[in-house]
Amino acid sequence: LSEDLHASKAVLDKILAGSPITNAEYSQMGDLIQA
């Protein structure tokens, strides 16, 4: 990350940003190794 907040946000989004997973979806996911 750097002082360029737009670029830093893009880095975090690429690595971490997800979307909610409900119980219904989780029940079909199986093992989370290397998820």
Full PDB file with SEQRES, HELIX, SHEET, SSBOND, CRYST1, ORIGX, SCALE, CONECT and MASTER records, all heavy atoms in Angstrom:
SEQRES   1 A   35  LEU SER GLU ASP LEU HIS ALA SER LYS ALA VAL LEU ASP          
SEQRES   2 A   35  LYS ILE LEU ALA GLY SER PRO ILE THR ASN ALA GLU TYR          
SEQRES   3 A   35  SER GLN MET GLY ASP LEU ILE GLN ALA                          
HELIX    1 AA1 LEU A    5  ILE A   15  1                                  11    
HELIX    2 AA2 ASN A   23  TYR A   26  1                                   4    
CRYST1    1.000    1.000    1.000  90.00  90.00  90.00 P 1           1          
ORIGX1      1.000000  0.000000  0.000000        0.00000                         
ORIGX2      0.000000  1.000000  0.000000        0.00000                         
ORIGX3      0.000000  0.000000  1.000000        0.00000                         
SCALE1      1.000000  0.000000  0.000000        0.00000                         
SCALE2      0.000000  1.000000  0.000000        0.00000                         
SCALE3      0.000000  0.000000  1.000000        0.00000                         
ATOM      1  N   LEU A   1       0.850  -1.188   0.000  1.00  0.00           N  
ATOM      2  CA  LEU A   1       0.000   0.000   0.000  1.00  0.00           C  
ATOM      3  C   LEU A   1       0.886   1.238   0.000  1.00  0.00           C  
ATOM      4  O   LEU A   1       2.056   1.188   0.375  1.00  0.00           O  
ATOM      5  CB  LEU A   1      -0.921  -0.007   1.220  1.00  0.00           C  
ATOM      6  CG  LEU A   1      -1.758  -1.275   1.434  1.00  0.00           C  
ATOM      7  CD1 LEU A   1      -2.685  -1.100   2.626  1.00  0.00           C  
ATOM      8  CD2 LEU A   1      -2.549  -1.628   0.186  1.00  0.00           C  
ATOM      9  N   SER A   2       0.315   2.381  -0.416  1.00  0.00           N  
ATOM     10  CA  SER A   2       1.109   3.603  -0.539  1.00  0.00           C  
ATOM     11  C   SER A   2       0.232   4.817  -0.272  1.00  0.00           C  
ATOM     12  O   SER A   2      -0.962   4.691   0.025  1.00  0.00           O  
ATOM     13  CB  SER A   2       1.708   3.697  -1.948  1.00  0.00           C  
ATOM     14  OG  SER A   2       0.675   3.898  -2.907  1.00  0.00           O  
ATOM     15  N   GLU A   3       0.808   5.999  -0.400  1.00  0.00           N  
ATOM     16  CA  GLU A   3       0.063   7.244  -0.202  1.00  0.00           C  
ATOM     17  C   GLU A   3      -1.016   7.432  -1.270  1.00  0.00           C  
ATOM     18  O   GLU A   3      -1.937   8.219  -1.082  1.00  0.00           O  
ATOM     19  CB  GLU A   3       1.019   8.436  -0.204  1.00  0.00           C  
ATOM     20  CG  GLU A   3       1.947   8.475   1.009  1.00  0.00           C  
ATOM     21  CD  GLU A   3       2.850   9.692   0.989  1.00  0.00           C  
ATOM     22  OE1 GLU A   3       2.895  10.389  -0.050  1.00  0.00           O  
ATOM     23  OE2 GLU A   3       3.510   9.952   2.014  1.00  0.00           O  
ATOM     24  N   ASP A   4      -0.881   6.758  -2.373  1.00  0.00           N  
ATOM     25  CA  ASP A   4      -1.912   6.783  -3.421  1.00  0.00           C  
ATOM     26  C   ASP A   4      -3.085   5.923  -2.940  1.00  0.00           C  
ATOM     27  O   ASP A   4      -3.091   4.695  -3.118  1.00  0.00           O  
ATOM     28  CB  ASP A   4      -1.348   6.238  -4.728  1.00  0.00           C  
ATOM     29  CG  ASP A   4      -2.329   6.347  -5.893  1.00  0.00           C  
ATOM     30  OD1 ASP A   4      -3.544   6.475  -5.633  1.00  0.00           O  
ATOM     31  OD2 ASP A   4      -1.886   6.292  -7.050  1.00  0.00           O  
ATOM     32  N   LEU A   5      -4.070   6.561  -2.314  1.00  0.00           N  
ATOM     33  CA  LEU A   5      -5.158   5.805  -1.686  1.00  0.00           C  
ATOM     34  C   LEU A   5      -6.017   5.069  -2.705  1.00  0.00           C  
ATOM     35  O   LEU A   5      -6.559   4.000  -2.413  1.00  0.00           O  
ATOM     36  CB  LEU A   5      -6.018   6.753  -0.847  1.00  0.00           C  
ATOM     37  CG  LEU A   5      -5.332   7.350   0.387  1.00  0.00           C  
ATOM     38  CD1 LEU A   5      -6.328   8.148   1.220  1.00  0.00           C  
ATOM     39  CD2 LEU A   5      -4.676   6.264   1.238  1.00  0.00           C  
ATOM     40  N   HIS A   6      -6.153   5.628  -3.892  1.00  0.00           N  
ATOM     41  CA  HIS A   6      -6.932   4.945  -4.936  1.00  0.00           C  
ATOM     42  C   HIS A   6      -6.254   3.623  -5.308  1.00  0.00           C  
ATOM     43  O   HIS A   6      -6.918   2.577  -5.407  1.00  0.00           O  
ATOM     44  CB  HIS A   6      -7.064   5.831  -6.168  1.00  0.00           C  
ATOM     45  CG  HIS A   6      -7.834   5.197  -7.286  1.00  0.00           C  
ATOM     46  ND1 HIS A   6      -9.211   5.076  -7.264  1.00  0.00           N  
ATOM     47  CD2 HIS A   6      -7.410   4.615  -8.449  1.00  0.00           C  
ATOM     48  CE1 HIS A   6      -9.603   4.455  -8.375  1.00  0.00           C  
ATOM     49  NE2 HIS A   6      -8.532   4.166  -9.097  1.00  0.00           N  
ATOM     50  N   ALA A   7      -4.941   3.667  -5.476  1.00  0.00           N  
ATOM     51  CA  ALA A   7      -4.200   2.454  -5.805  1.00  0.00           C  
ATOM     52  C   ALA A   7      -4.204   1.476  -4.629  1.00  0.00           C  
ATOM     53  O   ALA A   7      -4.326   0.263  -4.819  1.00  0.00           O  
ATOM     54  CB  ALA A   7      -2.771   2.801  -6.193  1.00  0.00           C  
ATOM     55  N   SER A   8      -4.087   2.015  -3.417  1.00  0.00           N  
ATOM     56  CA  SER A   8      -4.090   1.154  -2.235  1.00  0.00           C  
ATOM     57  C   SER A   8      -5.427   0.455  -2.064  1.00  0.00           C  
ATOM     58  O   SER A   8      -5.491  -0.730  -1.713  1.00  0.00           O  
ATOM     59  CB  SER A   8      -3.757   1.978  -0.988  1.00  0.00           C  
ATOM     60  OG  SER A   8      -2.435   2.460  -1.043  1.00  0.00           O  
ATOM     61  N   LYS A   9      -6.508   1.179  -2.318  1.00  0.00           N  
ATOM     62  CA  LYS A   9      -7.838   0.565  -2.239  1.00  0.00           C  
ATOM     63  C   LYS A   9      -7.965  -0.558  -3.266  1.00  0.00           C  
ATOM     64  O   LYS A   9      -8.530  -1.621  -2.973  1.00  0.00           O  
ATOM     65  CB  LYS A   9      -8.923   1.610  -2.469  1.00  0.00           C  
ATOM     66  CG  LYS A   9     -10.343   1.046  -2.405  1.00  0.00           C  
ATOM     67  CD  LYS A   9     -11.381   2.115  -2.669  1.00  0.00           C  
ATOM     68  CE  LYS A   9     -12.798   1.549  -2.549  1.00  0.00           C  
ATOM     69  NZ  LYS A   9     -13.049   0.430  -3.488  1.00  0.00           N  
ATOM     70  N   ALA A  10      -7.424  -0.320  -4.458  1.00  0.00           N  
ATOM     71  CA  ALA A  10      -7.484  -1.348  -5.505  1.00  0.00           C  
ATOM     72  C   ALA A  10      -6.724  -2.602  -5.078  1.00  0.00           C  
ATOM     73  O   ALA A  10      -7.158  -3.725  -5.346  1.00  0.00           O  
ATOM     74  CB  ALA A  10      -6.918  -0.799  -6.805  1.00  0.00           C  
ATOM     75  N   VAL A  11      -5.592  -2.420  -4.395  1.00  0.00           N  
ATOM     76  CA  VAL A  11      -4.818  -3.556  -3.907  1.00  0.00           C  
ATOM     77  C   VAL A  11      -5.629  -4.352  -2.880  1.00  0.00           C  
ATOM     78  O   VAL A  11      -5.731  -5.578  -2.948  1.00  0.00           O  
ATOM     79  CB  VAL A  11      -3.485  -3.089  -3.287  1.00  0.00           C  
ATOM     80  CG1 VAL A  11      -2.798  -4.245  -2.556  1.00  0.00           C  
ATOM     81  CG2 VAL A  11      -2.566  -2.529  -4.355  1.00  0.00           C  
ATOM     82  N   LEU A  12      -6.223  -3.640  -1.911  1.00  0.00           N  
ATOM     83  CA  LEU A  12      -7.018  -4.318  -0.885  1.00  0.00           C  
ATOM     84  C   LEU A  12      -8.232  -5.010  -1.495  1.00  0.00           C  
ATOM     85  O   LEU A  12      -8.579  -6.135  -1.105  1.00  0.00           O  
ATOM     86  CB  LEU A  12      -7.467  -3.309   0.170  1.00  0.00           C  
ATOM     87  CG  LEU A  12      -6.430  -2.908   1.223  1.00  0.00           C  
ATOM     88  CD1 LEU A  12      -7.000  -1.851   2.147  1.00  0.00           C  
ATOM     89  CD2 LEU A  12      -5.944  -4.111   2.016  1.00  0.00           C  
ATOM     90  N   ASP A  13      -8.884  -4.346  -2.453  1.00  0.00           N  
ATOM     91  CA  ASP A  13     -10.046  -4.956  -3.104  1.00  0.00           C  
ATOM     92  C   ASP A  13      -9.658  -6.260  -3.794  1.00  0.00           C  
ATOM     93  O   ASP A  13     -10.373  -7.271  -3.706  1.00  0.00           O  
ATOM     94  CB  ASP A  13     -10.657  -3.996  -4.129  1.00  0.00           C  
ATOM     95  CG  ASP A  13     -11.444  -2.869  -3.477  1.00  0.00           C  
ATOM     96  OD1 ASP A  13     -11.718  -2.968  -2.264  1.00  0.00           O  
ATOM     97  OD2 ASP A  13     -11.781  -1.897  -4.174  1.00  0.00           O  
ATOM     98  N   LYS A  14      -8.525  -6.233  -4.479  1.00  0.00           N  
ATOM     99  CA  LYS A  14      -8.086  -7.421  -5.215  1.00  0.00           C  
ATOM    100  C   LYS A  14      -7.781  -8.570  -4.275  1.00  0.00           C  
ATOM    101  O   LYS A  14      -8.061  -9.737  -4.571  1.00  0.00           O  
ATOM    102  CB  LYS A  14      -6.857  -7.077  -6.056  1.00  0.00           C  
ATOM    103  CG  LYS A  14      -6.363  -8.237  -6.917  1.00  0.00           C  
ATOM    104  CD  LYS A  14      -5.195  -7.817  -7.780  1.00  0.00           C  
ATOM    105  CE  LYS A  14      -4.710  -8.986  -8.651  1.00  0.00           C  
ATOM    106  NZ  LYS A  14      -3.573  -8.595  -9.520  1.00  0.00           N  
ATOM    107  N   ILE A  15      -7.201  -8.259  -3.119  1.00  0.00           N  
ATOM    108  CA  ILE A  15      -6.760  -9.308  -2.193  1.00  0.00           C  
ATOM    109  C   ILE A  15      -7.864  -9.746  -1.235  1.00  0.00           C  
ATOM    110  O   ILE A  15      -8.034 -10.937  -0.960  1.00  0.00           O  
ATOM    111  CB  ILE A  15      -5.540  -8.834  -1.388  1.00  0.00           C  
ATOM    112  CG1 ILE A  15      -4.359  -8.586  -2.333  1.00  0.00           C  
ATOM    113  CG2 ILE A  15      -5.148  -9.848  -0.319  1.00  0.00           C  
ATOM    114  CD1 ILE A  15      -3.172  -7.936  -1.666  1.00  0.00           C  
ATOM    115  N   LEU A  16      -8.655  -8.769  -0.742  1.00  0.00           N  
ATOM    116  CA  LEU A  16      -9.547  -9.058   0.381  1.00  0.00           C  
ATOM    117  C   LEU A  16     -11.033  -8.896   0.104  1.00  0.00           C  
ATOM    118  O   LEU A  16     -11.848  -9.576   0.743  1.00  0.00           O  
ATOM    119  CB  LEU A  16      -9.183  -8.157   1.566  1.00  0.00           C  
ATOM    120  CG  LEU A  16      -7.961  -8.544   2.388  1.00  0.00           C  
ATOM    121  CD1 LEU A  16      -7.696  -7.492   3.453  1.00  0.00           C  
ATOM    122  CD2 LEU A  16      -8.153  -9.902   3.040  1.00  0.00           C  
ATOM    123  N   ALA A  17     -11.411  -7.975  -0.772  1.00  0.00           N  
ATOM    124  CA  ALA A  17     -12.840  -7.658  -0.914  1.00  0.00           C  
ATOM    125  C   ALA A  17     -13.629  -8.874  -1.377  1.00  0.00           C  
ATOM    126  O   ALA A  17     -13.301  -9.506  -2.383  1.00  0.00           O  
ATOM    127  CB  ALA A  17     -13.029  -6.503  -1.894  1.00  0.00           C  
ATOM    128  N   GLY A  18     -14.658  -9.218  -0.620  1.00  0.00           N  
ATOM    129  CA  GLY A  18     -15.512 -10.342  -0.969  1.00  0.00           C  
ATOM    130  C   GLY A  18     -16.964  -9.912  -0.992  1.00  0.00           C  
ATOM    131  O   GLY A  18     -17.282  -8.735  -1.152  1.00  0.00           O  
ATOM    132  N   SER A  19     -17.836 -10.867  -0.839  1.00  0.00           N  
ATOM    133  CA  SER A  19     -19.268 -10.588  -0.748  1.00  0.00           C  
ATOM    134  C   SER A  19     -19.885 -11.602   0.201  1.00  0.00           C  
ATOM    135  O   SER A  19     -19.340 -12.702   0.380  1.00  0.00           O  
ATOM    136  CB  SER A  19     -19.931 -10.667  -2.126  1.00  0.00           C  
ATOM    137  OG  SER A  19     -19.668 -11.918  -2.735  1.00  0.00           O  
ATOM    138  N   PRO A  20     -20.981 -11.241   0.854  1.00  0.00           N  
ATOM    139  CA  PRO A  20     -21.523 -12.107   1.910  1.00  0.00           C  
ATOM    140  C   PRO A  20     -21.847 -13.516   1.425  1.00  0.00           C  
ATOM    141  O   PRO A  20     -22.333 -13.716   0.316  1.00  0.00           O  
ATOM    142  CB  PRO A  20     -22.807 -11.364   2.323  1.00  0.00           C  
ATOM    143  CG  PRO A  20     -22.577  -9.948   1.918  1.00  0.00           C  
ATOM    144  CD  PRO A  20     -21.770 -10.018   0.662  1.00  0.00           C  
ATOM    145  N   ILE A  21     -21.532 -14.477   2.272  1.00  0.00           N  
ATOM    146  CA  ILE A  21     -21.857 -15.878   2.021  1.00  0.00           C  
ATOM    147  C   ILE A  21     -22.856 -16.327   3.076  1.00  0.00           C  
ATOM    148  O   ILE A  21     -22.565 -16.256   4.273  1.00  0.00           O  
ATOM    149  CB  ILE A  21     -20.590 -16.756   2.070  1.00  0.00           C  
ATOM    150  CG1 ILE A  21     -19.639 -16.374   0.929  1.00  0.00           C  
ATOM    151  CG2 ILE A  21     -20.951 -18.243   1.988  1.00  0.00           C  
ATOM    152  CD1 ILE A  21     -18.306 -17.087   0.974  1.00  0.00           C  
ATOM    153  N   THR A  22     -24.019 -16.745   2.654  1.00  0.00           N  
ATOM    154  CA  THR A  22     -25.045 -17.160   3.599  1.00  0.00           C  
ATOM    155  C   THR A  22     -24.866 -18.634   3.963  1.00  0.00           C  
ATOM    156  O   THR A  22     -24.091 -19.362   3.343  1.00  0.00           O  
ATOM    157  CB  THR A  22     -26.457 -16.958   3.019  1.00  0.00           C  
ATOM    158  OG1 THR A  22     -26.640 -17.870   1.919  1.00  0.00           O  
ATOM    159  CG2 THR A  22     -26.637 -15.528   2.517  1.00  0.00           C  
ATOM    160  N   ASN A  23     -25.629 -19.061   4.961  1.00  0.00           N  
ATOM    161  CA  ASN A  23     -25.587 -20.451   5.395  1.00  0.00           C  
ATOM    162  C   ASN A  23     -25.906 -21.413   4.255  1.00  0.00           C  
ATOM    163  O   ASN A  23     -25.327 -22.495   4.158  1.00  0.00           O  
ATOM    164  CB  ASN A  23     -26.591 -20.655   6.531  1.00  0.00           C  
ATOM    165  CG  ASN A  23     -25.929 -21.231   7.772  1.00  0.00           C  
ATOM    166  OD1 ASN A  23     -25.071 -22.089   7.659  1.00  0.00           O  
ATOM    167  ND2 ASN A  23     -26.314 -20.750   8.940  1.00  0.00           N  
ATOM    168  N   ALA A  24     -26.840 -21.004   3.384  1.00  0.00           N  
ATOM    169  CA  ALA A  24     -27.234 -21.865   2.269  1.00  0.00           C  
ATOM    170  C   ALA A  24     -26.060 -22.121   1.333  1.00  0.00           C  
ATOM    171  O   ALA A  24     -25.865 -23.237   0.846  1.00  0.00           O  
ATOM    172  CB  ALA A  24     -28.390 -21.225   1.502  1.00  0.00           C  
ATOM    173  N   GLU A  25     -25.269 -21.103   1.060  1.00  0.00           N  
ATOM    174  CA  GLU A  25     -24.097 -21.266   0.192  1.00  0.00           C  
ATOM    175  C   GLU A  25     -23.001 -22.033   0.909  1.00  0.00           C  
ATOM    176  O   GLU A  25     -22.353 -22.910   0.328  1.00  0.00           O  
ATOM    177  CB  GLU A  25     -23.567 -19.903  -0.235  1.00  0.00           C  
ATOM    178  CG  GLU A  25     -24.534 -19.091  -1.084  1.00  0.00           C  
ATOM    179  CD  GLU A  25     -24.164 -17.624  -1.037  1.00  0.00           C  
ATOM    180  OE1 GLU A  25     -23.166 -17.254  -1.681  1.00  0.00           O  
ATOM    181  OE2 GLU A  25     -24.849 -16.857  -0.339  1.00  0.00           O  
ATOM    182  N   TYR A  26     -22.764 -21.687   2.184  1.00  0.00           N  
ATOM    183  CA  TYR A  26     -21.686 -22.340   2.923  1.00  0.00           C  
ATOM    184  C   TYR A  26     -21.890 -23.853   2.981  1.00  0.00           C  
ATOM    185  O   TYR A  26     -20.921 -24.620   2.885  1.00  0.00           O  
ATOM    186  CB  TYR A  26     -21.584 -21.773   4.339  1.00  0.00           C  
ATOM    187  CG  TYR A  26     -20.599 -22.553   5.190  1.00  0.00           C  
ATOM    188  CD1 TYR A  26     -19.228 -22.343   5.059  1.00  0.00           C  
ATOM    189  CD2 TYR A  26     -21.038 -23.540   6.079  1.00  0.00           C  
ATOM    190  CE1 TYR A  26     -18.319 -23.078   5.796  1.00  0.00           C  
ATOM    191  CE2 TYR A  26     -20.131 -24.281   6.820  1.00  0.00           C  
ATOM    192  CZ  TYR A  26     -18.774 -24.045   6.680  1.00  0.00           C  
ATOM    193  OH  TYR A  26     -17.883 -24.787   7.389  1.00  0.00           O  
ATOM    194  N   SER A  27     -23.138 -24.287   3.111  1.00  0.00           N  
ATOM    195  CA  SER A  27     -23.410 -25.722   3.247  1.00  0.00           C  
ATOM    196  C   SER A  27     -22.961 -26.515   2.027  1.00  0.00           C  
ATOM    197  O   SER A  27     -22.812 -27.735   2.090  1.00  0.00           O  
ATOM    198  CB  SER A  27     -24.908 -25.952   3.492  1.00  0.00           C  
ATOM    199  OG  SER A  27     -25.663 -25.559   2.354  1.00  0.00           O  
ATOM    200  N   GLN A  28     -22.728 -25.827   0.897  1.00  0.00           N  
ATOM    201  CA  GLN A  28     -22.303 -26.501  -0.328  1.00  0.00           C  
ATOM    202  C   GLN A  28     -20.813 -26.313  -0.621  1.00  0.00           C  
ATOM    203  O   GLN A  28     -20.322 -26.764  -1.654  1.00  0.00           O  
ATOM    204  CB  GLN A  28     -23.118 -25.966  -1.520  1.00  0.00           C  
ATOM    205  CG  GLN A  28     -24.617 -26.090  -1.365  1.00  0.00           C  
ATOM    206  CD  GLN A  28     -25.075 -27.525  -1.241  1.00  0.00           C  
ATOM    207  OE1 GLN A  28     -24.592 -28.397  -1.968  1.00  0.00           O  
ATOM    208  NE2 GLN A  28     -26.004 -27.784  -0.342  1.00  0.00           N  
ATOM    209  N   MET A  29     -20.076 -25.657   0.283  1.00  0.00           N  
ATOM    210  CA  MET A  29     -18.709 -25.274  -0.024  1.00  0.00           C  
ATOM    211  C   MET A  29     -17.670 -26.355   0.262  1.00  0.00           C  
ATOM    212  O   MET A  29     -16.636 -26.409  -0.383  1.00  0.00           O  
ATOM    213  CB  MET A  29     -18.332 -24.000   0.756  1.00  0.00           C  
ATOM    214  CG  MET A  29     -19.035 -22.769   0.247  1.00  0.00           C  
ATOM    215  SD  MET A  29     -18.581 -21.272   1.167  1.00  0.00           S  
ATOM    216  CE  MET A  29     -16.852 -21.124   0.735  1.00  0.00           C  
ATOM    217  N   GLY A  30     -17.895 -27.189   1.256  1.00  0.00           N  
ATOM    218  CA  GLY A  30     -16.915 -28.210   1.590  1.00  0.00           C  
ATOM    219  C   GLY A  30     -15.720 -27.637   2.334  1.00  0.00           C  
ATOM    220  O   GLY A  30     -15.824 -26.636   3.050  1.00  0.00           O  
ATOM    221  N   ASP A  31     -14.535 -28.240   2.142  1.00  0.00           N  
ATOM    222  CA  ASP A  31     -13.332 -27.850   2.869  1.00  0.00           C  
ATOM    223  C   ASP A  31     -12.824 -26.498   2.396  1.00  0.00           C  
ATOM    224  O   ASP A  31     -12.834 -26.197   1.200  1.00  0.00           O  
ATOM    225  CB  ASP A  31     -12.240 -28.905   2.654  1.00  0.00           C  
ATOM    226  CG  ASP A  31     -11.210 -28.889   3.771  1.00  0.00           C  
ATOM    227  OD1 ASP A  31     -10.692 -27.800   4.063  1.00  0.00           O  
ATOM    228  OD2 ASP A  31     -10.949 -29.961   4.346  1.00  0.00           O  
ATOM    229  N   LEU A  32     -12.347 -25.679   3.347  1.00  0.00           N  
ATOM    230  CA  LEU A  32     -11.899 -24.331   3.015  1.00  0.00           C  
ATOM    231  C   LEU A  32     -10.387 -24.218   2.818  1.00  0.00           C  
ATOM    232  O   LEU A  32      -9.860 -23.113   2.714  1.00  0.00           O  
ATOM    233  CB  LEU A  32     -12.323 -23.353   4.121  1.00  0.00           C  
ATOM    234  CG  LEU A  32     -13.827 -23.120   4.281  1.00  0.00           C  
ATOM    235  CD1 LEU A  32     -14.080 -22.111   5.386  1.00  0.00           C  
ATOM    236  CD2 LEU A  32     -14.462 -22.659   2.973  1.00  0.00           C  
ATOM    237  N   ILE A  33      -9.670 -25.343   2.749  1.00  0.00           N  
ATOM    238  CA  ILE A  33      -8.228 -25.268   2.531  1.00  0.00           C  
ATOM    239  C   ILE A  33      -7.955 -24.574   1.205  1.00  0.00           C  
ATOM    240  O   ILE A  33      -8.537 -24.916   0.175  1.00  0.00           O  
ATOM    241  CB  ILE A  33      -7.597 -26.679   2.547  1.00  0.00           C  
ATOM    242  CG1 ILE A  33      -7.676 -27.272   3.958  1.00  0.00           C  
ATOM    243  CG2 ILE A  33      -6.149 -26.641   2.076  1.00  0.00           C  
ATOM    244  CD1 ILE A  33      -7.129 -28.668   4.072  1.00  0.00           C  
ATOM    245  N   GLN A  34      -7.080 -23.560   1.239  1.00  0.00           N  
ATOM    246  CA  GLN A  34      -6.736 -22.742   0.071  1.00  0.00           C  
ATOM    247  C   GLN A  34      -7.981 -22.097  -0.542  1.00  0.00           C  
ATOM    248  O   GLN A  34      -8.105 -21.975  -1.759  1.00  0.00           O  
ATOM    249  CB  GLN A  34      -5.993 -23.579  -0.971  1.00  0.00           C  
ATOM    250  CG  GLN A  34      -4.651 -24.091  -0.468  1.00  0.00           C  
ATOM    251  CD  GLN A  34      -3.872 -24.859  -1.513  1.00  0.00           C  
ATOM    252  OE1 GLN A  34      -4.438 -25.414  -2.444  1.00  0.00           O  
ATOM    253  NE2 GLN A  34      -2.567 -24.899  -1.355  1.00  0.00           N  
ATOM    254  N   ALA A  35      -8.873 -21.649   0.323  1.00  0.00           N  
ATOM    255  CA  ALA A  35     -10.098 -21.015  -0.161  1.00  0.00           C  
ATOM    256  C   ALA A  35      -9.834 -19.624  -0.726  1.00  0.00           C  
ATOM    257  O   ALA A  35     -10.606 -19.125  -1.540  1.00  0.00           O  
ATOM    258  CB  ALA A  35     -11.122 -20.925   0.970  1.00  0.00           C  
TER     259      ALA A  35                                                      
MASTER        0    0    0    2    0    0    0    6  258    1    0    3          
END                                                                             
